Amino acid sequence: MAEARTRLNWSRLGIYAVLVAGVIVAIGPFLWMISASFMTLSEVNLTRLLPEKLLWENYATALRRANFLDIELITDPASGRLQALSVSGYIWNSARITLITVSGSLLVCIPAAYAFARMRFLGRDFLFALFLSTMMIPGIVLLIPHLLTVIWLGRLSESLLGPAGAWFNNWPALTIPFFASVFNIFLLRQFFLQIPDDLWEAARIDGAGHLRFLISVVLPLSKAPIMTIVTLGFIGSWNALMWPLLVTINDEWRPIAVGLANFVTADTPGDLNLQMAASVITVIPILVLYFVAQKQFTEGIAQTGIRG
């Protein structure tokens, strides 16, 4: 018995050691990034782990030099009253792009997932299998076809609406291609399939159709998976880099990931402390969203995919 307990204790210690090592490897670089963002340049070059003094001004300098956010108050010279508020910068661009992308994804994915899960029509299962199979295609393979499609749709839209209908170097090219996410539709469909049919029968007795059933019954029960796709959509849109570089030619609509890349590679090649501060600024919105939606996020992942 003593030998068995000793072996069990050693096995537990081994597991704990592996877990601790994994945590250090996973969050160690992130913690050093935060620490370096408060250092002077000489402290970073000396590879110190902790700053001697917290330099909060690094964040203000990084915001200004990276053009992350620029807020201008326009006042009346005579009365001094505020006339307008001008907001620009990469953070403002990312906020607009992310809001449009996530909202459009919800408007498209929720009805599509409901149709695949609760409505019966000819070829539904085959169409869903064909739709799901597109997940096996690497995204880089579809990059050029998507670009050509956006260019063609942009020309068509401009011919009908004029300059206001431009896609290229505008928000439609940055957002509309990501409205219909295969993974989001699959995730929501798997959850919608688990809703009891008795609720649908009760709604039918009350005279409800599919639209009312979706709005009044399905959506209130689906807060966890909806928050999951909101979180994933936010992260994907906020971190987008390659696609915005392809469909934009100036900084008018380029998101924060492009601004960070420009800041790191061109603007301040030696100011590592400012680069770390800019990186922390980029990560903060994602961390805030995740900690706010952590419970719903984990529940959404755990409650879907059980039944197919």
Protein backbone atom coordinates (compact mmCIF):
# COMPACT_ATOMS: atom_id res chain seq x y z
CA MET A 1 0.00 0.00 0.00
CA ALA A 2 2.81 2.37 0.88
CA GLU A 3 4.55 1.72 -2.43
CA ALA A 4 1.29 2.27 -4.35
CA ARG A 5 0.67 5.58 -2.56
CA THR A 6 4.23 6.68 -3.24
CA ARG A 7 3.88 5.90 -6.94
CA LEU A 8 0.54 7.72 -7.03
CA ASN A 9 2.07 10.79 -5.37
CA TRP A 10 4.98 10.80 -7.80
CA SER A 11 2.63 10.46 -10.75
CA ARG A 12 0.61 13.40 -9.48
CA LEU A 13 3.76 15.47 -9.05
CA GLY A 14 4.76 14.59 -12.61
CA ILE A 15 1.37 15.70 -13.93
CA TYR A 16 1.53 18.94 -11.95
CA ALA A 17 5.05 19.62 -13.24
CA VAL A 18 3.91 19.11 -16.84
CA LEU A 19 0.92 21.42 -16.28
CA VAL A 20 3.11 24.13 -14.72
CA ALA A 21 5.61 23.87 -17.58
CA GLY A 22 2.78 24.14 -20.10
CA VAL A 23 1.37 27.21 -18.38
CA ILE A 24 4.81 28.88 -18.33
CA VAL A 25 5.35 28.16 -22.02
CA ALA A 26 1.85 29.40 -22.90
CA ILE A 27 1.62 32.62 -20.90
CA GLY A 28 5.30 33.39 -20.30
CA PRO A 29 5.80 35.42 -23.52
CA PHE A 30 2.53 37.26 -22.93
CA LEU A 31 3.52 38.21 -19.37
CA TRP A 32 6.93 39.41 -20.58
CA MET A 33 5.21 41.49 -23.28
CA ILE A 34 3.18 43.24 -20.60
CA SER A 35 6.25 43.75 -18.42
CA ALA A 36 8.34 45.07 -21.33
CA SER A 37 5.61 47.55 -22.26
CA PHE A 38 6.35 49.44 -19.01
CA MET A 39 10.16 49.41 -19.42
CA THR A 40 12.64 51.82 -20.87
CA LEU A 41 14.39 50.80 -24.07
CA SER A 42 17.62 50.04 -22.21
CA GLU A 43 15.80 47.72 -19.79
CA VAL A 44 14.30 45.81 -22.70
CA ASN A 45 17.67 45.49 -24.39
CA LEU A 46 19.13 44.14 -21.14
CA THR A 47 16.34 41.48 -21.16
CA ARG A 48 15.14 42.35 -17.69
CA LEU A 49 12.07 40.52 -16.44
CA LEU A 50 10.55 43.40 -14.47
CA PRO A 51 10.75 47.16 -14.97
CA GLU A 52 12.37 49.33 -12.34
CA LYS A 53 9.55 51.84 -12.76
CA LEU A 54 6.19 51.55 -14.52
CA LEU A 55 6.25 53.87 -17.53
CA TRP A 56 2.58 54.41 -18.34
CA GLU A 57 3.55 57.06 -20.88
CA ASN A 58 4.73 54.27 -23.19
CA TYR A 59 1.07 53.55 -23.98
CA ALA A 60 0.26 57.16 -24.78
CA THR A 61 3.34 57.37 -27.01
CA ALA A 62 2.47 54.10 -28.76
CA LEU A 63 -1.11 55.23 -29.36
CA ARG A 64 0.06 58.47 -30.93
CA ARG A 65 2.98 57.18 -32.99
CA ALA A 66 1.15 54.10 -34.25
CA ASN A 67 -1.91 56.20 -35.19
CA PHE A 68 -4.13 53.82 -33.26
CA LEU A 69 -6.62 56.44 -32.14
CA ASP A 70 -7.05 60.12 -32.93
CA ILE A 71 -9.92 62.05 -31.34
CA GLU A 72 -10.40 65.66 -32.44
CA LEU A 73 -12.91 68.02 -30.83
CA ILE A 74 -14.15 70.71 -33.23
CA THR A 75 -15.45 73.76 -31.35
CA ASP A 76 -16.95 77.08 -32.38
CA PRO A 77 -14.24 79.77 -32.08
CA ALA A 78 -16.77 82.40 -31.01
CA SER A 79 -18.79 80.53 -28.39
CA GLY A 80 -16.42 77.69 -27.56
CA ARG A 81 -19.21 75.13 -27.92
CA LEU A 82 -18.55 71.69 -29.27
CA GLN A 83 -19.67 71.43 -32.89
CA ALA A 84 -18.40 68.02 -33.95
CA LEU A 85 -16.34 65.06 -32.81
CA SER A 86 -13.86 63.51 -35.26
CA VAL A 87 -12.61 59.99 -34.50
CA SER A 88 -10.06 58.20 -36.66
CA GLY A 89 -7.25 55.68 -36.40
CA TYR A 90 -6.78 51.94 -36.62
CA ILE A 91 -8.76 51.19 -33.45
CA TRP A 92 -11.75 53.10 -34.80
CA ASN A 93 -11.48 51.21 -38.10
CA SER A 94 -11.32 47.84 -36.34
CA ALA A 95 -14.29 48.71 -34.13
CA ARG A 96 -16.43 49.55 -37.17
CA ILE A 97 -15.31 46.52 -39.17
CA THR A 98 -15.82 44.15 -36.24
CA LEU A 99 -19.28 45.51 -35.43
CA ILE A 100 -20.45 45.16 -39.04
CA THR A 101 -18.91 41.70 -39.43
CA VAL A 102 -20.34 40.26 -36.22
CA SER A 103 -23.79 41.79 -36.82
CA GLY A 104 -23.90 40.55 -40.40
CA SER A 105 -22.73 37.09 -39.34
CA LEU A 106 -25.56 36.83 -36.80
CA LEU A 107 -28.15 37.97 -39.37
CA VAL A 108 -26.97 35.35 -41.88
CA CYS A 109 -25.86 32.40 -39.75
CA ILE A 110 -28.81 32.20 -37.35
CA PRO A 111 -31.54 31.84 -40.04
CA ALA A 112 -29.33 29.49 -42.08
CA ALA A 113 -28.62 27.26 -39.08
CA TYR A 114 -32.29 27.23 -38.14
CA ALA A 115 -33.28 26.21 -41.67
CA PHE A 116 -30.80 23.33 -41.67
CA ALA A 117 -31.88 22.20 -38.20
CA ARG A 118 -35.67 22.71 -37.97
CA MET A 119 -37.08 23.06 -41.48
CA ARG A 120 -37.62 20.21 -43.94
CA PHE A 121 -37.00 20.79 -47.64
CA LEU A 122 -35.77 18.77 -50.58
CA GLY A 123 -32.03 18.11 -50.51
CA ARG A 124 -31.49 19.65 -47.07
CA ASP A 125 -29.06 17.03 -45.78
CA PHE A 126 -27.13 16.86 -49.06
CA LEU A 127 -26.87 20.63 -49.24
CA PHE A 128 -25.66 20.81 -45.65
CA ALA A 129 -23.07 18.07 -46.25
CA LEU A 130 -21.85 19.90 -49.35
CA PHE A 131 -21.76 23.16 -47.43
CA LEU A 132 -19.90 21.54 -44.53
CA SER A 133 -17.32 19.98 -46.86
CA THR A 134 -16.01 23.45 -47.73
CA MET A 135 -14.39 23.50 -44.28
CA MET A 136 -11.84 21.01 -45.64
CA ILE A 137 -10.57 23.53 -48.20
CA PRO A 138 -7.57 25.55 -46.91
CA GLY A 139 -8.36 29.23 -46.60
CA ILE A 140 -5.25 30.26 -48.52
CA VAL A 141 -6.55 28.35 -51.56
CA LEU A 142 -9.72 30.46 -51.63
CA LEU A 143 -7.90 33.76 -51.14
CA ILE A 144 -7.53 34.65 -54.83
CA PRO A 145 -11.07 33.48 -55.82
CA HIS A 146 -12.50 35.58 -52.99
CA LEU A 147 -10.47 38.59 -54.13
CA LEU A 148 -11.64 38.22 -57.73
CA THR A 149 -15.25 37.87 -56.53
CA VAL A 150 -14.99 41.02 -54.44
CA ILE A 151 -13.51 42.95 -57.37
CA TRP A 152 -16.29 41.77 -59.69
CA LEU A 153 -19.06 42.54 -57.19
CA GLY A 154 -17.49 45.92 -56.49
CA ARG A 155 -17.52 46.85 -60.17
CA LEU A 156 -21.13 45.74 -60.47
CA SER A 157 -22.14 47.71 -57.38
CA GLU A 158 -20.31 50.84 -58.54
CA SER A 159 -21.99 50.64 -61.95
CA LEU A 160 -25.38 50.62 -60.23
CA LEU A 161 -24.81 52.94 -57.25
CA GLY A 162 -21.79 54.98 -58.25
CA PRO A 163 -18.87 55.65 -55.88
CA ALA A 164 -21.11 54.97 -52.87
CA GLY A 165 -21.33 51.31 -53.91
CA ALA A 166 -17.58 50.71 -53.95
CA TRP A 167 -16.41 47.48 -52.37
CA PHE A 168 -12.67 47.69 -52.84
CA ASN A 169 -10.93 49.85 -50.21
CA ASN A 170 -14.24 50.10 -48.35
CA TRP A 171 -16.13 48.27 -45.61
CA PRO A 172 -18.07 45.81 -47.88
CA ALA A 173 -14.88 44.03 -49.00
CA LEU A 174 -13.71 43.79 -45.38
CA THR A 175 -16.95 42.48 -43.90
CA ILE A 176 -19.46 40.90 -46.32
CA PRO A 177 -17.27 37.91 -47.35
CA PHE A 178 -17.29 36.79 -43.69
CA PHE A 179 -21.03 36.98 -43.03
CA ALA A 180 -21.69 33.32 -43.91
CA SER A 181 -19.34 31.31 -41.70
CA VAL A 182 -19.52 27.54 -42.16
CA PHE A 183 -18.33 26.88 -38.62
CA ASN A 184 -20.85 29.29 -37.08
CA ILE A 185 -23.72 27.73 -39.00
CA PHE A 186 -22.59 24.24 -37.99
CA LEU A 187 -22.24 25.23 -34.34
CA LEU A 188 -25.70 26.83 -34.19
CA ARG A 189 -27.32 23.97 -36.11
CA GLN A 190 -25.99 21.43 -33.63
CA PHE A 191 -27.51 23.41 -30.77
CA PHE A 192 -30.83 24.02 -32.53
CA LEU A 193 -31.18 20.26 -33.09
CA GLN A 194 -31.19 19.72 -29.33
CA ILE A 195 -34.24 21.93 -28.73
CA PRO A 196 -37.16 19.59 -27.90
CA ASP A 197 -39.78 19.12 -30.59
CA ASP A 198 -42.45 19.56 -27.92
CA LEU A 199 -41.69 23.28 -27.85
CA TRP A 200 -42.28 23.47 -31.61
CA GLU A 201 -45.56 21.59 -31.30
CA ALA A 202 -46.70 23.91 -28.52
CA ALA A 203 -45.78 26.94 -30.60
CA ARG A 204 -47.69 25.55 -33.58
CA ILE A 205 -50.79 25.12 -31.41
CA ASP A 206 -50.51 28.80 -30.46
CA GLY A 207 -50.40 29.68 -34.16
CA ALA A 208 -46.67 30.48 -34.36
CA GLY A 209 -44.68 29.94 -37.53
CA HIS A 210 -41.00 29.37 -37.98
CA LEU A 211 -40.07 33.04 -37.68
CA ARG A 212 -41.95 33.58 -34.44
CA PHE A 213 -40.66 30.29 -33.03
CA LEU A 214 -37.11 31.32 -33.88
CA ILE A 215 -37.41 34.75 -32.27
CA SER A 216 -39.54 33.84 -29.24
CA VAL A 217 -38.26 30.38 -28.32
CA VAL A 218 -35.02 29.40 -30.06
CA LEU A 219 -33.01 32.60 -29.62
CA PRO A 220 -33.68 33.00 -25.86
CA LEU A 221 -32.50 29.39 -25.37
CA SER A 222 -29.39 29.92 -27.52
CA LYS A 223 -27.55 32.66 -25.66
CA ALA A 224 -24.50 30.46 -25.03
CA PRO A 225 -23.81 29.41 -28.66
CA ILE A 226 -24.64 32.90 -29.94
CA MET A 227 -22.13 34.40 -27.51
CA THR A 228 -19.63 31.80 -28.70
CA ILE A 229 -19.88 32.85 -32.34
CA VAL A 230 -19.83 36.52 -31.31
CA THR A 231 -16.57 35.91 -29.44
CA LEU A 232 -14.99 33.93 -32.27
CA GLY A 233 -16.19 36.43 -34.86
CA PHE A 234 -14.82 39.33 -32.84
CA ILE A 235 -11.42 37.66 -32.49
CA GLY A 236 -11.23 36.76 -36.18
CA SER A 237 -12.24 40.22 -37.37
CA TRP A 238 -10.06 42.08 -34.86
CA ASN A 239 -6.96 40.04 -35.76
CA ALA A 240 -7.46 40.15 -39.55
CA LEU A 241 -4.27 41.08 -41.37
CA MET A 242 -3.78 39.39 -44.76
CA TRP A 243 -7.24 40.06 -46.20
CA PRO A 244 -7.31 43.80 -45.31
CA LEU A 245 -3.92 44.20 -46.97
CA LEU A 246 -5.36 42.72 -50.18
CA VAL A 247 -8.56 44.77 -50.40
CA THR A 248 -7.36 48.16 -49.14
CA ILE A 249 -4.83 50.60 -50.53
CA ASN A 250 -4.67 53.20 -47.75
CA ASP A 251 -5.30 53.55 -44.01
CA GLU A 252 -8.88 54.82 -44.31
CA TRP A 253 -10.36 51.38 -43.52
CA ARG A 254 -7.35 49.31 -42.47
CA PRO A 255 -7.75 47.60 -39.07
CA ILE A 256 -5.48 47.62 -36.04
CA ALA A 257 -3.54 44.48 -37.02
CA VAL A 258 -2.26 46.29 -40.12
CA GLY A 259 -1.39 49.33 -38.02
CA LEU A 260 0.54 47.17 -35.56
CA ALA A 261 2.43 45.45 -38.38
CA ASN A 262 3.37 48.81 -39.89
CA PHE A 263 4.42 50.15 -36.50
CA VAL A 264 6.62 47.16 -35.72
CA THR A 265 8.28 46.74 -39.12
CA ALA A 266 8.69 50.29 -40.37
CA ASP A 267 7.92 53.10 -37.96
CA THR A 268 9.94 52.14 -34.87
CA PRO A 269 12.35 49.32 -35.72
CA GLY A 270 14.30 49.76 -32.47
CA ASP A 271 11.73 50.88 -29.88
CA LEU A 272 10.85 47.46 -28.50
CA ASN A 273 9.16 48.88 -25.41
CA LEU A 274 6.75 50.89 -27.57
CA GLN A 275 6.15 47.89 -29.79
CA MET A 276 5.20 45.83 -26.74
CA ALA A 277 2.89 48.61 -25.53
CA ALA A 278 1.19 48.70 -28.94
CA SER A 279 0.82 44.91 -28.85
CA VAL A 280 -0.81 45.05 -25.41
CA ILE A 281 -3.23 47.71 -26.64
CA THR A 282 -4.17 45.43 -29.54
CA VAL A 283 -4.86 42.48 -27.24
CA ILE A 284 -6.84 44.30 -24.52
CA PRO A 285 -10.29 44.31 -26.28
CA ILE A 286 -10.06 40.55 -26.94
CA LEU A 287 -9.17 39.82 -23.31
CA VAL A 288 -11.99 42.01 -22.02
CA LEU A 289 -14.54 40.31 -24.28
CA TYR A 290 -13.34 36.84 -23.36
CA PHE A 291 -13.48 37.44 -19.61
CA VAL A 292 -16.95 38.97 -19.93
CA ALA A 293 -18.26 36.12 -22.10
CA GLN A 294 -16.15 33.28 -20.64
CA LYS A 295 -19.06 31.42 -19.02
CA GLN A 296 -21.30 31.60 -22.10
CA PHE A 297 -18.34 30.73 -24.36
CA THR A 298 -17.50 27.51 -22.52
CA GLU A 299 -21.17 26.56 -22.22
CA GLY A 300 -21.70 27.13 -25.95
CA ILE A 301 -18.82 24.84 -26.86
CA ALA A 302 -19.88 22.19 -24.33
CA GLN A 303 -23.57 22.13 -25.28
CA THR A 304 -23.12 21.80 -29.05
CA GLY A 305 -21.96 18.90 -31.12
CA ILE A 306 -23.64 16.29 -28.91
CA ARG A 307 -26.32 15.37 -31.39
CA GLY A 308 -25.95 15.43 -35.18
